[in-house]
Amino acid sequence: MSASSPKGAPPNYGRFIPREELQGYLRRVRRLADQRTTEGYLAEVVRDGDDLLLIEHHCPICSAARSCQSLCRAEMEVFRTALGADISVTREQHVLSGDQRCAYRITAA
């Protein structure tokens, strides 16, 4: 008997993630947060269920980003490249949209 995923479930639904792989994923995200903090973003990583949230409490480029929103789009691409193809990055909060901070949901794909 084989198990099947519920209709509409993501492709990795029910996938067991080995501890070593999960630790590597967490390490990459923490390394990115550390780098962002050195750049002035006051970043932290918070667990949210099976996902991680990369939260930036400060934006040193906010004034420039208001004039050139492509900076924020480029930032997302940098995150995706830095974390690797096996990681999904989605922005959930955005200072330029009126939120208090920028927050990104990080999911192992």
PDB file of N, CA and C in Angstrom:
ATOM      1  N   MET A   1       0.846  -1.157   0.000  1.00  0.00           N
ATOM      2  CA  MET A   1       0.000   0.000   0.000  1.00  0.00           C
ATOM      3  C   MET A   1       0.900   1.230   0.000  1.00  0.00           C
ATOM      4  N   SER A   2       0.649   2.181  -0.900  1.00  0.00           N
ATOM      5  CA  SER A   2       1.461   3.378  -0.963  1.00  0.00           C
ATOM      6  C   SER A   2       0.662   4.573  -0.467  1.00  0.00           C
ATOM      7  N   ALA A   3       1.375   5.474   0.203  1.00  0.00           N
ATOM      8  CA  ALA A   3       0.720   6.693   0.698  1.00  0.00           C
ATOM      9  C   ALA A   3       0.671   7.699  -0.436  1.00  0.00           C
ATOM     10  N   SER A   4      -0.400   8.471  -0.474  1.00  0.00           N
ATOM     11  CA  SER A   4      -0.488   9.518  -1.481  1.00  0.00           C
ATOM     12  C   SER A   4      -0.705  10.852  -0.792  1.00  0.00           C
ATOM     13  N   SER A   5      -0.277  11.918  -1.465  1.00  0.00           N
ATOM     14  CA  SER A   5      -0.446  13.262  -0.921  1.00  0.00           C
ATOM     15  C   SER A   5      -1.868  13.729  -1.120  1.00  0.00           C
ATOM     16  N   PRO A   6      -2.391  14.513  -0.185  1.00  0.00           N
ATOM     17  CA  PRO A   6      -3.726  15.081  -0.367  1.00  0.00           C
ATOM     18  C   PRO A   6      -3.762  15.994  -1.582  1.00  0.00           C
ATOM     19  N   LYS A   7      -4.931  16.110  -2.192  1.00  0.00           N
ATOM     20  CA  LYS A   7      -5.086  16.968  -3.360  1.00  0.00           C
ATOM     21  C   LYS A   7      -4.683  18.403  -3.002  1.00  0.00           C
ATOM     22  N   GLY A   8      -3.850  19.014  -3.838  1.00  0.00           N
ATOM     23  CA  GLY A   8      -3.405  20.382  -3.636  1.00  0.00           C
ATOM     24  C   GLY A   8      -2.228  20.522  -2.685  1.00  0.00           C
ATOM     25  N   ALA A   9      -1.717  19.409  -2.167  1.00  0.00           N
ATOM     26  CA  ALA A   9      -0.576  19.478  -1.249  1.00  0.00           C
ATOM     27  C   ALA A   9       0.684  19.866  -2.020  1.00  0.00           C
ATOM     28  N   PRO A  10       1.621  20.572  -1.362  1.00  0.00           N
ATOM     29  CA  PRO A  10       2.863  20.929  -2.037  1.00  0.00           C
ATOM     30  C   PRO A  10       3.640  19.677  -2.421  1.00  0.00           C
ATOM     31  N   PRO A  11       4.556  19.791  -3.406  1.00  0.00           N
ATOM     32  CA  PRO A  11       5.281  18.615  -3.897  1.00  0.00           C
ATOM     33  C   PRO A  11       6.067  17.876  -2.822  1.00  0.00           C
ATOM     34  N   ASN A  12       6.488  18.569  -1.771  1.00  0.00           N
ATOM     35  CA  ASN A  12       7.283  17.906  -0.742  1.00  0.00           C
ATOM     36  C   ASN A  12       6.452  17.476   0.461  1.00  0.00           C
ATOM     37  N   TYR A  13       5.118  17.465   0.323  1.00  0.00           N
ATOM     38  CA  TYR A  13       4.233  17.107   1.424  1.00  0.00           C
ATOM     39  C   TYR A  13       4.604  15.732   1.977  1.00  0.00           C
ATOM     40  N   GLY A  14       4.746  15.668   3.294  1.00  0.00           N
ATOM     41  CA  GLY A  14       5.029  14.398   3.944  1.00  0.00           C
ATOM     42  C   GLY A  14       6.459  13.929   3.786  1.00  0.00           C
ATOM     43  N   ARG A  15       7.302  14.730   3.145  1.00  0.00           N
ATOM     44  CA  ARG A  15       8.699  14.334   2.932  1.00  0.00           C
ATOM     45  C   ARG A  15       9.455  14.436   4.247  1.00  0.00           C
ATOM     46  N   PHE A  16      10.132  13.386   4.606  1.00  0.00           N
ATOM     47  CA  PHE A  16      10.976  13.392   5.792  1.00  0.00           C
ATOM     48  C   PHE A  16      12.253  14.138   5.457  1.00  0.00           C
ATOM     49  N   ILE A  17      12.590  15.131   6.259  1.00  0.00           N
ATOM     50  CA  ILE A  17      13.830  15.878   6.037  1.00  0.00           C
ATOM     51  C   ILE A  17      14.848  15.393   7.054  1.00  0.00           C
ATOM     52  N   PRO A  18      15.925  14.753   6.582  1.00  0.00           N
ATOM     53  CA  PRO A  18      16.947  14.264   7.505  1.00  0.00           C
ATOM     54  C   PRO A  18      17.519  15.399   8.349  1.00  0.00           C
ATOM     55  N   ARG A  19      17.868  15.088   9.576  1.00  0.00           N
ATOM     56  CA  ARG A  19      18.386  16.088  10.520  1.00  0.00           C
ATOM     57  C   ARG A  19      19.564  16.865   9.934  1.00  0.00           C
ATOM     58  N   GLU A  20      20.481  16.178   9.255  1.00  0.00           N
ATOM     59  CA  GLU A  20      21.657  16.843   8.689  1.00  0.00           C
ATOM     60  C   GLU A  20      21.244  17.878   7.649  1.00  0.00           C
ATOM     61  N   GLU A  21      20.247  17.540   6.835  1.00  0.00           N
ATOM     62  CA  GLU A  21      19.782  18.452   5.803  1.00  0.00           C
ATOM     63  C   GLU A  21      19.103  19.661   6.433  1.00  0.00           C
ATOM     64  N   LEU A  22      18.301  19.427   7.465  1.00  0.00           N
ATOM     65  CA  LEU A  22      17.611  20.505   8.150  1.00  0.00           C
ATOM     66  C   LEU A  22      18.616  21.436   8.824  1.00  0.00           C
ATOM     67  N   GLN A  23      19.642  20.864   9.441  1.00  0.00           N
ATOM     68  CA  GLN A  23      20.653  21.691  10.087  1.00  0.00           C
ATOM     69  C   GLN A  23      21.419  22.522   9.063  1.00  0.00           C
ATOM     70  N   GLY A  24      21.690  21.955   7.884  1.00  0.00           N
ATOM     71  CA  GLY A  24      22.367  22.704   6.831  1.00  0.00           C
ATOM     72  C   GLY A  24      21.516  23.865   6.354  1.00  0.00           C
ATOM     73  N   TYR A  25      20.229  23.649   6.243  1.00  0.00           N
ATOM     74  CA  TYR A  25      19.267  24.670   5.825  1.00  0.00           C
ATOM     75  C   TYR A  25      19.219  25.786   6.863  1.00  0.00           C
ATOM     76  N   LEU A  26      19.119  25.435   8.125  1.00  0.00           N
ATOM     77  CA  LEU A  26      19.098  26.415   9.203  1.00  0.00           C
ATOM     78  C   LEU A  26      20.415  27.194   9.243  1.00  0.00           C
ATOM     79  N   ARG A  27      21.511  26.506   9.072  1.00  0.00           N
ATOM     80  CA  ARG A  27      22.830  27.150   9.088  1.00  0.00           C
ATOM     81  C   ARG A  27      22.943  28.190   7.969  1.00  0.00           C
ATOM     82  N   ARG A  28      22.459  27.852   6.767  1.00  0.00           N
ATOM     83  CA  ARG A  28      22.519  28.801   5.650  1.00  0.00           C
ATOM     84  C   ARG A  28      21.700  30.059   5.933  1.00  0.00           C
ATOM     85  N   VAL A  29      20.506  29.859   6.494  1.00  0.00           N
ATOM     86  CA  VAL A  29      19.640  31.001   6.783  1.00  0.00           C
ATOM     87  C   VAL A  29      20.250  31.859   7.896  1.00  0.00           C
ATOM     88  N   ARG A  30      20.800  31.227   8.913  1.00  0.00           N
ATOM     89  CA  ARG A  30      21.448  31.984  10.005  1.00  0.00           C
ATOM     90  C   ARG A  30      22.657  32.756   9.488  1.00  0.00           C
ATOM     91  N   ARG A  31      23.405  32.136   8.589  1.00  0.00           N
ATOM     92  CA  ARG A  31      24.563  32.821   8.009  1.00  0.00           C
ATOM     93  C   ARG A  31      24.122  34.064   7.230  1.00  0.00           C
ATOM     94  N   LEU A  32      23.020  33.933   6.491  1.00  0.00           N
ATOM     95  CA  LEU A  32      22.476  35.074   5.754  1.00  0.00           C
ATOM     96  C   LEU A  32      22.027  36.166   6.737  1.00  0.00           C
ATOM     97  N   ALA A  33      21.357  35.779   7.818  1.00  0.00           N
ATOM     98  CA  ALA A  33      20.912  36.755   8.825  1.00  0.00           C
ATOM     99  C   ALA A  33      22.107  37.473   9.453  1.00  0.00           C
ATOM    100  N   ASP A  34      23.166  36.737   9.734  1.00  0.00           N
ATOM    101  CA  ASP A  34      24.375  37.354  10.297  1.00  0.00           C
ATOM    102  C   ASP A  34      24.963  38.375   9.327  1.00  0.00           C
ATOM    103  N   GLN A  35      25.015  38.014   8.047  1.00  0.00           N
ATOM    104  CA  GLN A  35      25.532  38.928   7.035  1.00  0.00           C
ATOM    105  C   GLN A  35      24.656  40.176   6.942  1.00  0.00           C
ATOM    106  N   ARG A  36      23.339  39.978   6.952  1.00  0.00           N
ATOM    107  CA  ARG A  36      22.419  41.110   6.863  1.00  0.00           C
ATOM    108  C   ARG A  36      22.566  42.025   8.088  1.00  0.00           C
ATOM    109  N   THR A  37      22.810  41.449   9.253  1.00  0.00           N
ATOM    110  CA  THR A  37      23.011  42.249  10.455  1.00  0.00           C
ATOM    111  C   THR A  37      24.276  43.098  10.326  1.00  0.00           C
ATOM    112  N   THR A  38      25.344  42.528   9.794  1.00  0.00           N
ATOM    113  CA  THR A  38      26.568  43.322   9.606  1.00  0.00           C
ATOM    114  C   THR A  38      26.348  44.449   8.601  1.00  0.00           C
ATOM    115  N   GLU A  39      25.361  44.286   7.731  1.00  0.00           N
ATOM    116  CA  GLU A  39      25.028  45.321   6.747  1.00  0.00           C
ATOM    117  C   GLU A  39      24.041  46.350   7.309  1.00  0.00           C
ATOM    118  N   GLY A  40      23.595  46.164   8.562  1.00  0.00           N
ATOM    119  CA  GLY A  40      22.733  47.144   9.209  1.00  0.00           C
ATOM    120  C   GLY A  40      21.257  46.801   9.255  1.00  0.00           C
ATOM    121  N   TYR A  41      20.867  45.583   8.896  1.00  0.00           N
ATOM    122  CA  TYR A  41      19.453  45.227   8.840  1.00  0.00           C
ATOM    123  C   TYR A  41      18.888  44.682  10.159  1.00  0.00           C
ATOM    124  N   LEU A  42      19.732  44.432  11.146  1.00  0.00           N
ATOM    125  CA  LEU A  42      19.291  43.874  12.428  1.00  0.00           C
ATOM    126  C   LEU A  42      18.407  42.650  12.207  1.00  0.00           C
ATOM    127  N   ALA A  43      18.971  41.670  11.541  1.00  0.00           N
ATOM    128  CA  ALA A  43      18.220  40.482  11.131  1.00  0.00           C
ATOM    129  C   ALA A  43      18.264  39.383  12.189  1.00  0.00           C
ATOM    130  N   GLU A  44      17.198  38.602  12.215  1.00  0.00           N
ATOM    131  CA  GLU A  44      17.144  37.426  13.079  1.00  0.00           C
ATOM    132  C   GLU A  44      16.384  36.319  12.358  1.00  0.00           C
ATOM    133  N   VAL A  45      16.576  35.092  12.822  1.00  0.00           N
ATOM    134  CA  VAL A  45      15.885  33.931  12.276  1.00  0.00           C
ATOM    135  C   VAL A  45      14.978  33.375  13.365  1.00  0.00           C
ATOM    136  N   VAL A  46      13.710  33.147  13.009  1.00  0.00           N
ATOM    137  CA  VAL A  46      12.720  32.630  13.948  1.00  0.00           C
ATOM    138  C   VAL A  46      12.055  31.413  13.306  1.00  0.00           C
ATOM    139  N   ARG A  47      11.899  30.347  14.077  1.00  0.00           N
ATOM    140  CA  ARG A  47      11.167  29.173  13.576  1.00  0.00           C
ATOM    141  C   ARG A  47       9.680  29.480  13.560  1.00  0.00           C
ATOM    142  N   ASP A  48       9.007  29.017  12.509  1.00  0.00           N
ATOM    143  CA  ASP A  48       7.557  29.150  12.395  1.00  0.00           C
ATOM    144  C   ASP A  48       7.044  27.837  11.824  1.00  0.00           C
ATOM    145  N   GLY A  49       6.706  26.903  12.708  1.00  0.00           N
ATOM    146  CA  GLY A  49       6.321  25.563  12.265  1.00  0.00           C
ATOM    147  C   GLY A  49       7.511  24.896  11.592  1.00  0.00           C
ATOM    148  N   ASP A  50       7.299  24.394  10.376  1.00  0.00           N
ATOM    149  CA  ASP A  50       8.376  23.745   9.627  1.00  0.00           C
ATOM    150  C   ASP A  50       9.227  24.753   8.866  1.00  0.00           C
ATOM    151  N   ASP A  51       8.807  26.007   8.851  1.00  0.00           N
ATOM    152  CA  ASP A  51       9.509  27.049   8.104  1.00  0.00           C
ATOM    153  C   ASP A  51      10.367  27.895   9.036  1.00  0.00           C
ATOM    154  N   LEU A  52      11.135  28.766   8.424  1.00  0.00           N
ATOM    155  CA  LEU A  52      11.890  29.775   9.154  1.00  0.00           C
ATOM    156  C   LEU A  52      11.430  31.137   8.662  1.00  0.00           C
ATOM    157  N   LEU A  53      11.518  32.126   9.525  1.00  0.00           N
ATOM    158  CA  LEU A  53      11.278  33.504   9.124  1.00  0.00           C
ATOM    159  C   LEU A  53      12.590  34.260   9.276  1.00  0.00           C
ATOM    160  N   LEU A  54      13.004  34.919   8.217  1.00  0.00           N
ATOM    161  CA  LEU A  54      14.133  35.836   8.265  1.00  0.00           C
ATOM    162  C   LEU A  54      13.507  37.212   8.460  1.00  0.00           C
ATOM    163  N   ILE A  55      13.753  37.816   9.612  1.00  0.00           N
ATOM    164  CA  ILE A  55      13.124  39.092   9.948  1.00  0.00           C
ATOM    165  C   ILE A  55      14.202  40.169   9.987  1.00  0.00           C
ATOM    166  N   GLU A  56      13.946  41.250   9.265  1.00  0.00           N
ATOM    167  CA  GLU A  56      14.854  42.395   9.259  1.00  0.00           C
ATOM    168  C   GLU A  56      14.149  43.546   9.975  1.00  0.00           C
ATOM    169  N   HIS A  57      14.704  43.947  11.119  1.00  0.00           N
ATOM    170  CA  HIS A  57      14.075  44.966  11.955  1.00  0.00           C
ATOM    171  C   HIS A  57      14.453  46.391  11.558  1.00  0.00           C
ATOM    172  N   HIS A  58      15.377  46.530  10.654  1.00  0.00           N
ATOM    173  CA  HIS A  58      15.815  47.854  10.201  1.00  0.00           C
ATOM    174  C   HIS A  58      16.189  47.765   8.733  1.00  0.00           C
ATOM    175  N   CYS A  59      15.952  48.833   7.992  1.00  0.00           N
ATOM    176  CA  CYS A  59      16.310  48.855   6.573  1.00  0.00           C
ATOM    177  C   CYS A  59      17.182  50.075   6.290  1.00  0.00           C
ATOM    178  N   PRO A  60      18.485  49.878   6.162  1.00  0.00           N
ATOM    179  CA  PRO A  60      19.376  51.006   5.911  1.00  0.00           C
ATOM    180  C   PRO A  60      19.232  51.611   4.509  1.00  0.00           C
ATOM    181  N   ILE A  61      18.526  50.939   3.618  1.00  0.00           N
ATOM    182  CA  ILE A  61      18.354  51.467   2.256  1.00  0.00           C
ATOM    183  C   ILE A  61      16.919  51.911   1.997  1.00  0.00           C
ATOM    184  N   CYS A  62      16.135  52.078   3.046  1.00  0.00           N
ATOM    185  CA  CYS A  62      14.704  52.378   2.890  1.00  0.00           C
ATOM    186  C   CYS A  62      14.461  53.623   2.037  1.00  0.00           C
ATOM    187  N   SER A  63      15.200  54.689   2.290  1.00  0.00           N
ATOM    188  CA  SER A  63      15.000  55.923   1.511  1.00  0.00           C
ATOM    189  C   SER A  63      15.274  55.681   0.036  1.00  0.00           C
ATOM    190  N   ALA A  64      16.353  54.989  -0.265  1.00  0.00           N
ATOM    191  CA  ALA A  64      16.681  54.692  -1.663  1.00  0.00           C
ATOM    192  C   ALA A  64      15.652  53.749  -2.278  1.00  0.00           C
ATOM    193  N   ALA A  65      15.191  52.763  -1.498  1.00  0.00           N
ATOM    194  CA  ALA A  65      14.224  51.785  -2.008  1.00  0.00           C
ATOM    195  C   ALA A  65      12.871  52.430  -2.321  1.00  0.00           C
ATOM    196  N   ARG A  66      12.520  53.496  -1.612  1.00  0.00           N
ATOM    197  CA  ARG A  66      11.268  54.203  -1.917  1.00  0.00           C
ATOM    198  C   ARG A  66      11.316  54.791  -3.329  1.00  0.00           C
ATOM    199  N   SER A  67      12.491  55.220  -3.744  1.00  0.00           N
ATOM    200  CA  SER A  67      12.660  55.794  -5.087  1.00  0.00           C
ATOM    201  C   SER A  67      12.904  54.733  -6.149  1.00  0.00           C
ATOM    202  N   CYS A  68      13.489  53.611  -5.733  1.00  0.00           N
ATOM    203  CA  CYS A  68      13.874  52.566  -6.691  1.00  0.00           C
ATOM    204  C   CYS A  68      13.503  51.200  -6.118  1.00  0.00           C
ATOM    205  N   GLN A  69      12.249  50.784  -6.329  1.00  0.00           N
ATOM    206  CA  GLN A  69      11.779  49.540  -5.718  1.00  0.00           C
ATOM    207  C   GLN A  69      12.435  48.296  -6.307  1.00  0.00           C
ATOM    208  N   SER A  70      13.168  48.455  -7.395  1.00  0.00           N
ATOM    209  CA  SER A  70      13.892  47.304  -7.934  1.00  0.00           C
ATOM    210  C   SER A  70      14.972  46.837  -6.959  1.00  0.00           C
ATOM    211  N   LEU A  71      15.372  47.695  -6.022  1.00  0.00           N
ATOM    212  CA  LEU A  71      16.333  47.274  -4.993  1.00  0.00           C
ATOM    213  C   LEU A  71      15.761  46.121  -4.172  1.00  0.00           C
ATOM    214  N   CYS A  72      14.494  46.214  -3.831  1.00  0.00           N
ATOM    215  CA  CYS A  72      13.858  45.155  -3.039  1.00  0.00           C
ATOM    216  C   CYS A  72      13.717  43.862  -3.855  1.00  0.00           C
ATOM    217  N   ARG A  73      13.384  43.994  -5.127  1.00  0.00           N
ATOM    218  CA  ARG A  73      13.284  42.799  -5.984  1.00  0.00           C
ATOM    219  C   ARG A  73      14.657  42.136  -6.124  1.00  0.00           C
ATOM    220  N   ALA A  74      15.682  42.949  -6.281  1.00  0.00           N
ATOM    221  CA  ALA A  74      17.039  42.410  -6.409  1.00  0.00           C
ATOM    222  C   ALA A  74      17.454  41.702  -5.120  1.00  0.00           C
ATOM    223  N   GLU A  75      17.047  42.251  -3.990  1.00  0.00           N
ATOM    224  CA  GLU A  75      17.344  41.651  -2.693  1.00  0.00           C
ATOM    225  C   GLU A  75      16.776  40.236  -2.608  1.00  0.00           C
ATOM    226  N   MET A  76      15.541  40.054  -3.070  1.00  0.00           N
ATOM    227  CA  MET A  76      14.922  38.722  -3.069  1.00  0.00           C
ATOM    228  C   MET A  76      15.731  37.744  -3.911  1.00  0.00           C
ATOM    229  N   GLU A  77      16.200  38.195  -5.051  1.00  0.00           N
ATOM    230  CA  GLU A  77      17.003  37.327  -5.914  1.00  0.00           C
ATOM    231  C   GLU A  77      18.330  36.959  -5.254  1.00  0.00           C
ATOM    232  N   VAL A  78      18.916  37.912  -4.548  1.00  0.00           N
ATOM    233  CA  VAL A  78      20.158  37.635  -3.815  1.00  0.00           C
ATOM    234  C   VAL A  78      19.901  36.563  -2.760  1.00  0.00           C
ATOM    235  N   PHE A  79      18.795  36.674  -2.027  1.00  0.00           N
ATOM    236  CA  PHE A  79      18.466  35.671  -1.010  1.00  0.00           C
ATOM    237  C   PHE A  79      18.312  34.296  -1.643  1.00  0.00           C
ATOM    238  N   ARG A  80      17.562  34.235  -2.740  1.00  0.00           N
ATOM    239  CA  ARG A  80      17.327  32.945  -3.410  1.00  0.00           C
ATOM    240  C   ARG A  80      18.636  32.333  -3.907  1.00  0.00           C
ATOM    241  N   THR A  81      19.496  33.156  -4.446  1.00  0.00           N
ATOM    242  CA  THR A  81      20.790  32.665  -4.938  1.00  0.00           C
ATOM    243  C   THR A  81      21.670  32.211  -3.779  1.00  0.00           C
ATOM    244  N   ALA A  82      21.723  33.011  -2.722  1.00  0.00           N
ATOM    245  CA  ALA A  82      22.575  32.698  -1.570  1.00  0.00           C
ATOM    246  C   ALA A  82      22.135  31.428  -0.853  1.00  0.00           C
ATOM    247  N   LEU A  83      20.824  31.203  -0.765  1.00  0.00           N
ATOM    248  CA  LEU A  83      20.319  30.052  -0.019  1.00  0.00           C
ATOM    249  C   LEU A  83      20.264  28.776  -0.851  1.00  0.00           C
ATOM    250  N   GLY A  84      20.194  28.895  -2.170  1.00  0.00           N
ATOM    251  CA  GLY A  84      20.224  27.720  -3.033  1.00  0.00           C
ATOM    252  C   GLY A  84      18.865  27.348  -3.600  1.00  0.00           C
ATOM    253  N   ALA A  85      18.906  26.543  -4.631  1.00  0.00           N
ATOM    254  CA  ALA A  85      17.703  26.151  -5.374  1.00  0.00           C
ATOM    255  C   ALA A  85      16.758  25.276  -4.551  1.00  0.00           C
ATOM    256  N   ASP A  86      17.256  24.669  -3.475  1.00  0.00           N
ATOM    257  CA  ASP A  86      16.414  23.797  -2.656  1.00  0.00           C
ATOM    258  C   ASP A  86      15.663  24.570  -1.566  1.00  0.00           C
ATOM    259  N   ILE A  87      15.748  25.900  -1.616  1.00  0.00           N
ATOM    260  CA  ILE A  87      15.107  26.755  -0.616  1.00  0.00           C
ATOM    261  C   ILE A  87      14.145  27.715  -1.320  1.00  0.00           C
ATOM    262  N   SER A  88      12.954  27.862  -0.755  1.00  0.00           N
ATOM    263  CA  SER A  88      11.962  28.802  -1.275  1.00  0.00           C
ATOM    264  C   SER A  88      11.946  30.039  -0.372  1.00  0.00           C
ATOM    265  N   VAL A  89      11.940  31.232  -0.983  1.00  0.00           N
ATOM    266  CA  VAL A  89      11.912  32.497  -0.231  1.00  0.00           C
ATOM    267  C   VAL A  89      10.692  33.302  -0.678  1.00  0.00           C
ATOM    268  N   THR A  90       9.859  33.697   0.285  1.00  0.00           N
ATOM    269  CA  THR A  90       8.672  34.499   0.003  1.00  0.00           C
ATOM    270  C   THR A  90       8.622  35.668   0.977  1.00  0.00           C
ATOM    271  N   ARG A  91       8.453  36.874   0.454  1.00  0.00           N
ATOM    272  CA  ARG A  91       8.329  38.038   1.340  1.00  0.00           C
ATOM    273  C   ARG A  91       6.926  38.060   1.917  1.00  0.00           C
ATOM    274  N   GLU A  92       6.822  38.189   3.248  1.00  0.00           N
ATOM    275  CA  GLU A  92       5.523  38.238   3.916  1.00  0.00           C
ATOM    276  C   GLU A  92       5.219  39.606   4.508  1.00  0.00           C
ATOM    277  N   GLN A  93       6.242  40.367   4.835  1.00  0.00           N
ATOM    278  CA  GLN A  93       6.063  41.717   5.336  1.00  0.00           C
ATOM    279  C   GLN A  93       7.066  42.607   4.623  1.00  0.00           C
ATOM    280  N   HIS A  94       6.664  43.865   4.384  1.00  0.00           N
ATOM    281  CA  HIS A  94       7.505  44.760   3.597  1.00  0.00           C
ATOM    282  C   HIS A  94       7.330  46.180   4.119  1.00  0.00           C
ATOM    283  N   VAL A  95       8.401  46.809   4.532  1.00  0.00           N
ATOM    284  CA  VAL A  95       8.343  48.164   5.067  1.00  0.00           C
ATOM    285  C   VAL A  95       7.694  49.116   4.065  1.00  0.00           C
ATOM    286  N   LEU A  96       8.023  48.964   2.794  1.00  0.00           N
ATOM    287  CA  LEU A  96       7.481  49.869   1.786  1.00  0.00           C
ATOM    288  C   LEU A  96       5.981  49.669   1.544  1.00  0.00           C
ATOM    289  N   SER A  97       5.435  48.571   2.075  1.00  0.00           N
ATOM    290  CA  SER A  97       3.982  48.333   1.984  1.00  0.00           C
ATOM    291  C   SER A  97       3.271  48.747   3.263  1.00  0.00           C
ATOM    292  N   GLY A  98       4.018  49.386   4.172  1.00  0.00           N
ATOM    293  CA  GLY A  98       3.420  49.869   5.407  1.00  0.00           C
ATOM    294  C   GLY A  98       3.657  48.996   6.622  1.00  0.00           C
ATOM    295  N   ASP A  99       4.362  47.882   6.462  1.00  0.00           N
ATOM    296  CA  ASP A  99       4.660  47.020   7.607  1.00  0.00           C
ATOM    297  C   ASP A  99       5.784  47.629   8.444  1.00  0.00           C
ATOM    298  N   GLN A 100       5.915  47.154   9.673  1.00  0.00           N
ATOM    299  CA  GLN A 100       6.939  47.651  10.588  1.00  0.00           C
ATOM    300  C   GLN A 100       8.331  47.104  10.288  1.00  0.00           C
ATOM    301  N   ARG A 101       8.380  46.048   9.512  1.00  0.00           N
ATOM    302  CA  ARG A 101       9.651  45.375   9.207  1.00  0.00           C
ATOM    303  C   ARG A 101       9.496  44.591   7.919  1.00  0.00           C
ATOM    304  N   CYS A 102      10.590  44.078   7.423  1.00  0.00           N
ATOM    305  CA  CYS A 102      10.532  43.136   6.300  1.00  0.00           C
ATOM    306  C   CYS A 102      10.725  41.736   6.878  1.00  0.00           C
ATOM    307  N   ALA A 103       9.920  40.797   6.419  1.00  0.00           N
ATOM    308  CA  ALA A 103      10.022  39.416   6.885  1.00  0.00           C
ATOM    309  C   ALA A 103       9.864  38.488   5.693  1.00  0.00           C
ATOM    310  N   TYR A 104      10.665  37.444   5.682  1.00  0.00           N
ATOM    311  CA  TYR A 104      10.696  36.498   4.579  1.00  0.00           C
ATOM    312  C   TYR A 104      10.473  35.090   5.105  1.00  0.00           C
ATOM    313  N   ARG A 105       9.545  34.367   4.510  1.00  0.00           N
ATOM    314  CA  ARG A 105       9.314  32.962   4.860  1.00  0.00           C
ATOM    315  C   ARG A 105      10.295  32.123   4.067  1.00  0.00           C
ATOM    316  N   ILE A 106      11.054  31.313   4.777  1.00  0.00           N
ATOM    317  CA  ILE A 106      12.081  30.459   4.176  1.00  0.00           C
ATOM    318  C   ILE A 106      11.633  29.016   4.367  1.00  0.00           C
ATOM    319  N   THR A 107      11.490  28.297   3.257  1.00  0.00           N
ATOM    320  CA  THR A 107      10.974  26.932   3.274  1.00  0.00           C
ATOM    321  C   THR A 107      11.913  26.015   2.506  1.00  0.00           C
ATOM    322  N   ALA A 108      12.192  24.862   3.067  1.00  0.00           N
ATOM    323  CA  ALA A 108      12.969  23.857   2.330  1.00  0.00           C
ATOM    324  C   ALA A 108      12.068  23.295   1.258  1.00  0.00           C
ATOM    325  N   ALA A 109      12.502  23.408   0.000  1.00  0.00           N
ATOM    326  CA  ALA A 109      11.675  22.969  -1.130  1.00  0.00           C
ATOM    327  C   ALA A 109      11.735  21.473  -1.323  1.00  0.00           C
TER     328      ALA A 109
END
